[in-house]
C-alpha atoms as a PDB file:
ATOM      1  CA  MET A   1     -21.312  11.702  12.357  1.00  0.00           C
ATOM      2  CA  THR A   2     -18.140  13.473  13.461  1.00  0.00           C
ATOM      3  CA  ASN A   3     -14.970  12.024  14.917  1.00  0.00           C
ATOM      4  CA  LEU A   4     -16.100  13.297  18.326  1.00  0.00           C
ATOM      5  CA  ASP A   5     -19.194  11.103  18.028  1.00  0.00           C
ATOM      6  CA  ILE A   6     -16.877   8.127  17.597  1.00  0.00           C
ATOM      7  CA  GLN A   7     -15.063   8.989  20.812  1.00  0.00           C
ATOM      8  CA  THR A   8     -18.307   8.937  22.820  1.00  0.00           C
ATOM      9  CA  LYS A   9     -19.917   6.024  20.975  1.00  0.00           C
ATOM     10  CA  THR A  10     -20.747   3.058  23.146  1.00  0.00           C
ATOM     11  CA  SER A  11     -19.164  -0.155  21.928  1.00  0.00           C
ATOM     12  CA  MET A  12     -21.545  -2.685  20.394  1.00  0.00           C
ATOM     13  CA  GLU A  13     -20.034  -5.547  22.351  1.00  0.00           C
ATOM     14  CA  GLY A  14     -22.767  -8.018  23.239  1.00  0.00           C
ATOM     15  CA  GLN A  15     -25.062  -6.818  20.447  1.00  0.00           C
ATOM     16  CA  ALA A  16     -25.935  -8.349  17.089  1.00  0.00           C
ATOM     17  CA  VAL A  17     -24.331  -6.948  13.962  1.00  0.00           C
ATOM     18  CA  PRO A  18     -26.612  -4.971  11.616  1.00  0.00           C
ATOM     19  CA  ALA A  19     -28.788  -7.000   9.241  1.00  0.00           C
ATOM     20  CA  VAL A  20     -27.620  -5.804   5.828  1.00  0.00           C
ATOM     21  CA  THR A  21     -27.516  -7.189   2.298  1.00  0.00           C
ATOM     22  CA  PHE A  22     -24.283  -6.447   0.445  1.00  0.00           C
ATOM     23  CA  ARG A  23     -24.130  -6.292  -3.349  1.00  0.00           C
ATOM     24  CA  VAL A  24     -20.972  -8.016  -4.548  1.00  0.00           C
ATOM     25  CA  ARG A  25     -19.564  -8.891  -7.950  1.00  0.00           C
ATOM     26  CA  GLU A  26     -18.139 -12.392  -8.313  1.00  0.00           C
ATOM     27  CA  ASN A  27     -16.966 -14.021 -11.561  1.00  0.00           C
ATOM     28  CA  GLY A  28     -18.702 -11.347 -13.606  1.00  0.00           C
ATOM     29  CA  GLU A  29     -22.050 -11.838 -11.870  1.00  0.00           C
ATOM     30  CA  TRP A  30     -23.939  -9.873  -9.223  1.00  0.00           C
ATOM     31  CA  ARG A  31     -24.630 -11.657  -5.944  1.00  0.00           C
ATOM     32  CA  ASP A  32     -26.342 -10.685  -2.698  1.00  0.00           C
ATOM     33  CA  VAL A  33     -24.479 -11.495   0.518  1.00  0.00           C
ATOM     34  CA  SER A  34     -26.414 -11.138   3.752  1.00  0.00           C
ATOM     35  CA  SER A  35     -25.127 -10.498   7.246  1.00  0.00           C
ATOM     36  CA  ASP A  36     -26.361 -13.975   8.150  1.00  0.00           C
ATOM     37  CA  GLU A  37     -24.271 -15.531   5.392  1.00  0.00           C
ATOM     38  CA  LEU A  38     -21.202 -13.739   6.678  1.00  0.00           C
ATOM     39  CA  PHE A  39     -21.651 -14.259  10.399  1.00  0.00           C
ATOM     40  CA  LYS A  40     -24.246 -16.888  11.359  1.00  0.00           C
ATOM     41  CA  GLY A  41     -22.730 -19.945  13.030  1.00  0.00           C
ATOM     42  CA  LYS A  42     -19.185 -18.673  12.518  1.00  0.00           C
ATOM     43  CA  THR A  43     -16.411 -16.861  14.348  1.00  0.00           C
ATOM     44  CA  VAL A  44     -15.343 -13.914  12.203  1.00  0.00           C
ATOM     45  CA  ALA A  45     -12.586 -11.339  12.647  1.00  0.00           C
ATOM     46  CA  VAL A  46     -13.656  -8.082  11.006  1.00  0.00           C
ATOM     47  CA  PHE A  47     -11.601  -4.996  10.324  1.00  0.00           C
ATOM     48  CA  SER A  48     -13.072  -1.885   8.782  1.00  0.00           C
ATOM     49  CA  LEU A  49     -11.145   0.961   7.212  1.00  0.00           C
ATOM     50  CA  PRO A  50     -11.635   4.313   5.465  1.00  0.00           C
ATOM     51  CA  GLY A  51     -10.962   3.162   1.919  1.00  0.00           C
ATOM     52  CA  ALA A  52      -9.351   0.724  -0.470  1.00  0.00           C
ATOM     53  CA  PHE A  53      -6.004   1.752  -1.966  1.00  0.00           C
ATOM     54  CA  THR A  54      -5.394   4.319   0.795  1.00  0.00           C
ATOM     55  CA  PRO A  55      -1.894   4.301   2.385  1.00  0.00           C
ATOM     56  CA  THR A  56      -2.275   2.710   5.840  1.00  0.00           C
ATOM     57  CA  CYS A  57      -4.967   0.332   4.622  1.00  0.00           C
ATOM     58  CA  SER A  58      -2.732  -0.944   1.805  1.00  0.00           C
ATOM     59  CA  SER A  59       0.660  -0.924   3.503  1.00  0.00           C
ATOM     60  CA  THR A  60      -0.264  -2.394   6.881  1.00  0.00           C
ATOM     61  CA  HIS A  61      -3.882  -3.052   7.807  1.00  0.00           C
ATOM     62  CA  LEU A  62      -4.950  -5.505   5.078  1.00  0.00           C
ATOM     63  CA  PRO A  63      -1.535  -7.147   4.469  1.00  0.00           C
ATOM     64  CA  ARG A  64      -1.004  -8.076   8.120  1.00  0.00           C
ATOM     65  CA  TYR A  65      -4.436  -9.680   8.501  1.00  0.00           C
ATOM     66  CA  ASN A  66      -3.738 -11.613   5.305  1.00  0.00           C
ATOM     67  CA  GLU A  67      -0.303 -12.644   6.584  1.00  0.00           C
ATOM     68  CA  LEU A  68      -1.646 -13.865   9.937  1.00  0.00           C
ATOM     69  CA  ALA A  69      -4.612 -15.735   8.453  1.00  0.00           C
ATOM     70  CA  SER A  70      -3.207 -19.168   9.305  1.00  0.00           C
ATOM     71  CA  ALA A  71      -2.675 -18.144  12.932  1.00  0.00           C
ATOM     72  CA  PHE A  72      -6.247 -16.848  13.144  1.00  0.00           C
ATOM     73  CA  ALA A  73      -7.533 -20.131  11.698  1.00  0.00           C
ATOM     74  CA  GLU A  74      -5.497 -22.155  14.193  1.00  0.00           C
ATOM     75  CA  ASN A  75      -7.151 -20.158  16.972  1.00  0.00           C
ATOM     76  CA  GLY A  76     -10.753 -20.697  15.990  1.00  0.00           C
ATOM     77  CA  VAL A  77     -11.450 -17.912  13.485  1.00  0.00           C
ATOM     78  CA  ASP A  78     -13.441 -19.193  10.509  1.00  0.00           C
ATOM     79  CA  GLU A  79     -13.093 -16.122   8.315  1.00  0.00           C
ATOM     80  CA  ILE A  80     -11.401 -12.734   8.156  1.00  0.00           C
ATOM     81  CA  VAL A  81     -13.551  -9.960   6.677  1.00  0.00           C
ATOM     82  CA  CYS A  82     -12.411  -6.536   5.516  1.00  0.00           C
ATOM     83  CA  MET A  83     -15.223  -3.969   5.358  1.00  0.00           C
ATOM     84  CA  SER A  84     -15.085  -0.603   3.637  1.00  0.00           C
ATOM     85  CA  VAL A  85     -17.511   1.958   2.263  1.00  0.00           C
ATOM     86  CA  ASN A  86     -16.434   1.315  -1.327  1.00  0.00           C
ATOM     87  CA  ASP A  87     -18.139  -0.332  -4.278  1.00  0.00           C
ATOM     88  CA  THR A  88     -17.502  -3.965  -5.156  1.00  0.00           C
ATOM     89  CA  PHE A  89     -15.386  -3.169  -8.230  1.00  0.00           C
ATOM     90  CA  VAL A  90     -12.963  -1.103  -6.156  1.00  0.00           C
ATOM     91  CA  MET A  91     -12.787  -3.717  -3.403  1.00  0.00           C
ATOM     92  CA  ASN A  92     -12.187  -6.556  -5.863  1.00  0.00           C
ATOM     93  CA  ALA A  93      -9.455  -4.633  -7.673  1.00  0.00           C
ATOM     94  CA  TRP A  94      -7.788  -3.770  -4.370  1.00  0.00           C
ATOM     95  CA  ALA A  95      -7.861  -7.361  -3.124  1.00  0.00           C
ATOM     96  CA  ALA A  96      -6.308  -8.535  -6.402  1.00  0.00           C
ATOM     97  CA  ASP A  97      -3.648  -5.823  -6.265  1.00  0.00           C
ATOM     98  CA  GLN A  98      -2.811  -6.752  -2.679  1.00  0.00           C
ATOM     99  CA  GLU A  99      -2.872 -10.513  -3.415  1.00  0.00           C
ATOM    100  CA  ALA A 100      -4.949 -10.819  -0.238  1.00  0.00           C
ATOM    101  CA  SER A 101      -6.553 -14.184  -0.929  1.00  0.00           C
ATOM    102  CA  ASN A 102      -6.881 -15.001   2.789  1.00  0.00           C
ATOM    103  CA  VAL A 103      -9.248 -12.095   3.446  1.00  0.00           C
ATOM    104  CA  THR A 104     -12.856 -11.705   2.305  1.00  0.00           C
ATOM    105  CA  VAL A 105     -13.416  -8.125   1.151  1.00  0.00           C
ATOM    106  CA  ILE A 106     -16.962  -6.830   1.569  1.00  0.00           C
ATOM    107  CA  PRO A 107     -18.173  -3.604  -0.098  1.00  0.00           C
ATOM    108  CA  ASP A 108     -20.461  -1.621   2.178  1.00  0.00           C
ATOM    109  CA  GLY A 109     -21.183   0.628  -0.769  1.00  0.00           C
ATOM    110  CA  ASN A 110     -24.116   2.487   0.783  1.00  0.00           C
ATOM    111  CA  GLY A 111     -22.575   2.587   4.256  1.00  0.00           C
ATOM    112  CA  GLU A 112     -25.569   0.773   5.766  1.00  0.00           C
ATOM    113  CA  PHE A 113     -23.596  -1.723   7.824  1.00  0.00           C
ATOM    114  CA  THR A 114     -21.107   0.928   8.931  1.00  0.00           C
ATOM    115  CA  GLU A 115     -23.900   3.289   9.939  1.00  0.00           C
ATOM    116  CA  GLY A 116     -25.598   0.485  11.849  1.00  0.00           C
ATOM    117  CA  MET A 117     -22.350  -0.070  13.735  1.00  0.00           C
ATOM    118  CA  GLY A 118     -22.237   3.647  14.568  1.00  0.00           C
ATOM    119  CA  MET A 119     -18.934   3.985  12.710  1.00  0.00           C
ATOM    120  CA  LEU A 120     -19.950   6.135   9.735  1.00  0.00           C
ATOM    121  CA  VAL A 121     -17.950   9.379   9.662  1.00  0.00           C
ATOM    122  CA  ASP A 122     -17.887  12.421   7.409  1.00  0.00           C
ATOM    123  CA  LYS A 123     -14.623  12.777   5.508  1.00  0.00           C
ATOM    124  CA  ALA A 124     -15.895  15.452   3.143  1.00  0.00           C
ATOM    125  CA  ASP A 125     -12.822  17.562   3.927  1.00  0.00           C
ATOM    126  CA  LEU A 126     -10.780  14.943   2.031  1.00  0.00           C
ATOM    127  CA  GLY A 127     -13.328  14.589  -0.746  1.00  0.00           C
ATOM    128  CA  PHE A 128     -14.219  11.089   0.489  1.00  0.00           C
ATOM    129  CA  GLY A 129     -17.791  11.735   1.587  1.00  0.00           C
ATOM    130  CA  LYS A 130     -19.091   9.308   4.243  1.00  0.00           C
ATOM    131  CA  ARG A 131     -16.624   6.573   5.177  1.00  0.00           C
ATOM    132  CA  SER A 132     -15.942   4.120   7.977  1.00  0.00           C
ATOM    133  CA  TRP A 133     -13.980   4.966  11.077  1.00  0.00           C
ATOM    134  CA  ARG A 134     -11.167   2.473  11.491  1.00  0.00           C
ATOM    135  CA  TYR A 135     -12.031  -0.359  13.874  1.00  0.00           C
ATOM    136  CA  SER A 136     -11.922  -4.124  14.272  1.00  0.00           C
ATOM    137  CA  MET A 137     -14.173  -6.618  16.007  1.00  0.00           C
ATOM    138  CA  LEU A 138     -14.554 -10.305  16.787  1.00  0.00           C
ATOM    139  CA  VAL A 139     -18.020 -11.582  15.913  1.00  0.00           C
ATOM    140  CA  LYS A 140     -19.340 -14.934  17.113  1.00  0.00           C
ATOM    141  CA  ASP A 141     -22.562 -16.239  15.576  1.00  0.00           C
ATOM    142  CA  GLY A 142     -23.570 -12.718  14.603  1.00  0.00           C
ATOM    143  CA  VAL A 143     -22.900 -11.156  18.016  1.00  0.00           C
ATOM    144  CA  VAL A 144     -20.039  -8.753  18.665  1.00  0.00           C
ATOM    145  CA  GLU A 145     -17.768 -10.163  21.365  1.00  0.00           C
ATOM    146  CA  LYS A 146     -14.991  -7.568  21.222  1.00  0.00           C
ATOM    147  CA  MET A 147     -14.387  -4.236  19.472  1.00  0.00           C
ATOM    148  CA  PHE A 148     -11.194  -2.270  19.029  1.00  0.00           C
ATOM    149  CA  ILE A 149     -12.090   1.299  17.994  1.00  0.00           C
ATOM    150  CA  GLU A 150      -9.361   3.720  17.013  1.00  0.00           C
ATOM    151  CA  PRO A 151      -9.065   6.780  19.274  1.00  0.00           C
ATOM    152  CA  ASN A 152     -10.431  10.178  18.346  1.00  0.00           C
ATOM    153  CA  LYS A 153      -7.339  11.878  16.957  1.00  0.00           C
ATOM    154  CA  PRO A 154      -6.677  14.044  13.907  1.00  0.00           C
ATOM    155  CA  GLY A 155      -5.975  12.200  10.677  1.00  0.00           C
ATOM    156  CA  ASP A 156      -6.279   8.454  10.493  1.00  0.00           C
ATOM    157  CA  PRO A 157      -5.092   6.848  13.753  1.00  0.00           C
ATOM    158  CA  PHE A 158      -4.025   3.216  13.556  1.00  0.00           C
ATOM    159  CA  GLU A 159      -3.235   1.959  17.048  1.00  0.00           C
ATOM    160  CA  VAL A 160      -5.621  -0.796  18.146  1.00  0.00           C
ATOM    161  CA  SER A 161      -7.468  -2.273  15.152  1.00  0.00           C
ATOM    162  CA  ASP A 162      -4.422  -4.099  13.775  1.00  0.00           C
ATOM    163  CA  ALA A 163      -4.192  -7.849  13.247  1.00  0.00           C
ATOM    164  CA  ASP A 164      -1.644  -8.442  16.009  1.00  0.00           C
ATOM    165  CA  THR A 165      -3.853  -6.796  18.641  1.00  0.00           C
ATOM    166  CA  MET A 166      -6.834  -8.892  17.575  1.00  0.00           C
ATOM    167  CA  LEU A 167      -4.839 -12.126  17.551  1.00  0.00           C
ATOM    168  CA  GLU A 168      -3.393 -11.349  20.984  1.00  0.00           C
ATOM    169  CA  TYR A 169      -6.923 -10.821  22.316  1.00  0.00           C
ATOM    170  CA  ILE A 170      -8.030 -14.183  20.908  1.00  0.00           C
ATOM    171  CA  ASN A 171      -4.954 -15.997  22.243  1.00  0.00           C
ATOM    172  CA  PRO A 172      -2.006 -14.194  23.849  1.00  0.00           C
ATOM    173  CA  GLU A 173       0.077 -17.330  23.251  1.00  0.00           C
ATOM    174  CA  ALA A 174      -0.768 -17.645  19.556  1.00  0.00           C
ATOM    175  CA  VAL A 175       2.188 -18.623  17.368  1.00  0.00           C
ATOM    176  CA  LYS A 176       2.603 -16.220  14.477  1.00  0.00           C
ATOM    177  CA  PRO A 177       4.041 -17.384  11.149  1.00  0.00           C
ATOM    178  CA  LYS A 178       7.448 -16.017  10.280  1.00  0.00           C
ATOM    179  CA  SER A 179       7.821 -13.622   7.382  1.00  0.00           C
ATOM    180  CA  VAL A 180       9.992 -15.513   4.889  1.00  0.00           C
ATOM    181  CA  ALA A 181      11.385 -14.296   1.586  1.00  0.00           C
ATOM    182  CA  MET A 182      13.913 -15.744  -0.832  1.00  0.00           C
ATOM    183  CA  ILE A 183      15.893 -14.138  -3.652  1.00  0.00           C
ATOM    184  CA  THR A 184      16.288 -16.603  -6.528  1.00  0.00           C
ATOM    185  CA  LYS A 185      17.115 -16.759 -10.226  1.00  0.00           C
ATOM    186  CA  PRO A 186      15.691 -19.010 -12.940  1.00  0.00           C
ATOM    187  CA  GLY A 187      17.493 -22.330 -13.461  1.00  0.00           C
ATOM    188  CA  CYS A 188      19.395 -22.147 -10.170  1.00  0.00           C
ATOM    189  CA  PRO A 189      19.649 -25.682  -8.610  1.00  0.00           C
ATOM    190  CA  TYR A 190      20.508 -24.264  -5.173  1.00  0.00           C
ATOM    191  CA  CYS A 191      17.377 -22.116  -5.322  1.00  0.00           C
ATOM    192  CA  ALA A 192      15.337 -25.200  -6.171  1.00  0.00           C
ATOM    193  CA  LYS A 193      16.856 -26.989  -3.154  1.00  0.00           C
ATOM    194  CA  ALA A 194      16.015 -24.084  -0.856  1.00  0.00           C
ATOM    195  CA  LYS A 195      12.426 -23.961  -2.089  1.00  0.00           C
ATOM    196  CA  GLN A 196      12.092 -27.703  -1.581  1.00  0.00           C
ATOM    197  CA  LEU A 197      13.386 -27.400   1.994  1.00  0.00           C
ATOM    198  CA  LEU A 198      10.816 -24.726   2.800  1.00  0.00           C
ATOM    199  CA  ASN A 199       7.984 -26.583   1.094  1.00  0.00           C
ATOM    200  CA  GLU A 200       8.798 -29.783   2.987  1.00  0.00           C
ATOM    201  CA  ARG A 201       8.449 -27.860   6.243  1.00  0.00           C
ATOM    202  CA  GLY A 202       5.227 -26.240   5.097  1.00  0.00           C
ATOM    203  CA  ILE A 203       6.789 -22.782   5.359  1.00  0.00           C
ATOM    204  CA  LYS A 204       5.213 -20.193   3.089  1.00  0.00           C
ATOM    205  CA  PHE A 205       7.598 -17.749   1.463  1.00  0.00           C
ATOM    206  CA  GLU A 206       7.696 -14.905  -1.003  1.00  0.00           C
ATOM    207  CA  GLU A 207       9.999 -15.391  -3.962  1.00  0.00           C
ATOM    208  CA  ILE A 208      11.940 -12.463  -5.406  1.00  0.00           C
ATOM    209  CA  VAL A 209      13.236 -13.428  -8.847  1.00  0.00           C
ATOM    210  CA  LEU A 210      16.363 -11.853 -10.314  1.00  0.00           C
ATOM    211  CA  GLY A 211      15.676 -10.273 -13.676  1.00  0.00           C
ATOM    212  CA  LYS A 212      12.019  -9.824 -12.780  1.00  0.00           C
ATOM    213  CA  ASP A 213      11.724  -8.383  -9.266  1.00  0.00           C
ATOM    214  CA  ALA A 214      15.342  -7.448  -8.534  1.00  0.00           C
ATOM    215  CA  THR A 215      18.890  -7.356  -9.926  1.00  0.00           C
ATOM    216  CA  SER A 216      22.225  -8.809  -8.802  1.00  0.00           C
ATOM    217  CA  VAL A 217      23.128  -5.304  -7.632  1.00  0.00           C
ATOM    218  CA  SER A 218      20.140  -5.423  -5.277  1.00  0.00           C
ATOM    219  CA  VAL A 219      21.263  -8.766  -3.842  1.00  0.00           C
ATOM    220  CA  LYS A 220      24.761  -7.422  -3.193  1.00  0.00           C
ATOM    221  CA  ALA A 221      23.439  -4.195  -1.684  1.00  0.00           C
ATOM    222  CA  ILE A 222      20.947  -5.946   0.612  1.00  0.00           C
ATOM    223  CA  THR A 223      22.896  -9.021   1.685  1.00  0.00           C
ATOM    224  CA  GLY A 224      26.539  -8.272   1.004  1.00  0.00           C
ATOM    225  CA  ASN A 225      26.620 -11.458  -1.089  1.00  0.00           C
ATOM    226  CA  SER A 226      26.424 -11.948  -4.839  1.00  0.00           C
ATOM    227  CA  THR A 227      25.133 -15.522  -4.820  1.00  0.00           C
ATOM    228  CA  VAL A 228      21.596 -16.890  -4.771  1.00  0.00           C
ATOM    229  CA  PRO A 229      19.487 -18.027  -3.146  1.00  0.00           C
ATOM    230  CA  GLN A 230      19.441 -15.600  -0.245  1.00  0.00           C
ATOM    231  CA  VAL A 231      16.822 -16.515   2.347  1.00  0.00           C
ATOM    232  CA  PHE A 232      15.356 -14.193   4.981  1.00  0.00           C
ATOM    233  CA  PHE A 233      13.387 -15.035   8.133  1.00  0.00           C
ATOM    234  CA  ASP A 234      11.769 -12.041   9.870  1.00  0.00           C
ATOM    235  CA  GLY A 235      14.426  -9.715   8.460  1.00  0.00           C
ATOM    236  CA  GLU A 236      17.363 -12.005   9.298  1.00  0.00           C
ATOM    237  CA  ASN A 237      19.510 -13.090   6.343  1.00  0.00           C
ATOM    238  CA  ILE A 238      19.893 -16.853   6.769  1.00  0.00           C
ATOM    239  CA  GLY A 239      22.060 -17.254   3.676  1.00  0.00           C
ATOM    240  CA  GLY A 240      21.960 -19.863   0.903  1.00  0.00           C
ATOM    241  CA  SER A 241      20.470 -23.344   0.646  1.00  0.00           C
ATOM    242  CA  ASP A 242      23.094 -25.037   2.843  1.00  0.00           C
ATOM    243  CA  ASP A 243      22.732 -22.306   5.482  1.00  0.00           C
ATOM    244  CA  LEU A 244      18.955 -22.706   5.312  1.00  0.00           C
ATOM    245  CA  GLU A 245      19.236 -26.468   5.883  1.00  0.00           C
ATOM    246  CA  VAL A 246      21.356 -25.893   8.989  1.00  0.00           C
ATOM    247  CA  TYR A 247      18.925 -23.243  10.260  1.00  0.00           C
ATOM    248  CA  LEU A 248      15.856 -25.460   9.773  1.00  0.00           C
ATOM    249  CA  ASN A 249      17.528 -28.439  11.456  1.00  0.00           C
ATOM    250  CA  ALA A 250      18.341 -26.245  14.431  1.00  0.00           C
ATOM    251  CA  HIS A 251      14.785 -24.952  14.728  1.00  0.00           C
END
């Protein structure tokens, strides 16, 4: 199937997803996962992509769905599924590398599900063979309610199958979690206070540890300050633990 076929393909909205059995590897054992197991009686957000470890898939597509998982759950989505025409070993390694524990990765190794969706494309020019066109869909009890199919353009367009577009479709008023990060160093009591403040509010954050993930030079270069912790909310430098306390009390 060529990219042009994708452009003219009729959406599968209102139709049942293909009945396929996926071979997955879990805890060192083989297991069969059926379409029914994935979709029956559940609301599932699915996004499908050309391949694990590829640039857009790794930098944006998977991470954002993983990041917004709590917002999807709050708006009625039972599970987020990432589908790709890769084998289970590749998908498992990619999920571990991405630390994407909020997303279920499913290997459509033979491309059966993707072909049944009409999304199988030939990427032989890249040495990829048959892969999935990039798309997303909302599936309720095994029936496709909504599909977002990327437009027919050269390369690998990524315009409509993103997590934010899907969440906005589900609920335009959905509250998205803030992206929070904190630069710390081992044994720092102010860092411990800042972490406690965030934990008490139930705010998830990524910790960047001096000596492991960054250096004091990095802190100075990024924030203009040489002290830790340095806390960031959606790219805004809040400051240290006292500044964080003031910020949280005001919000």
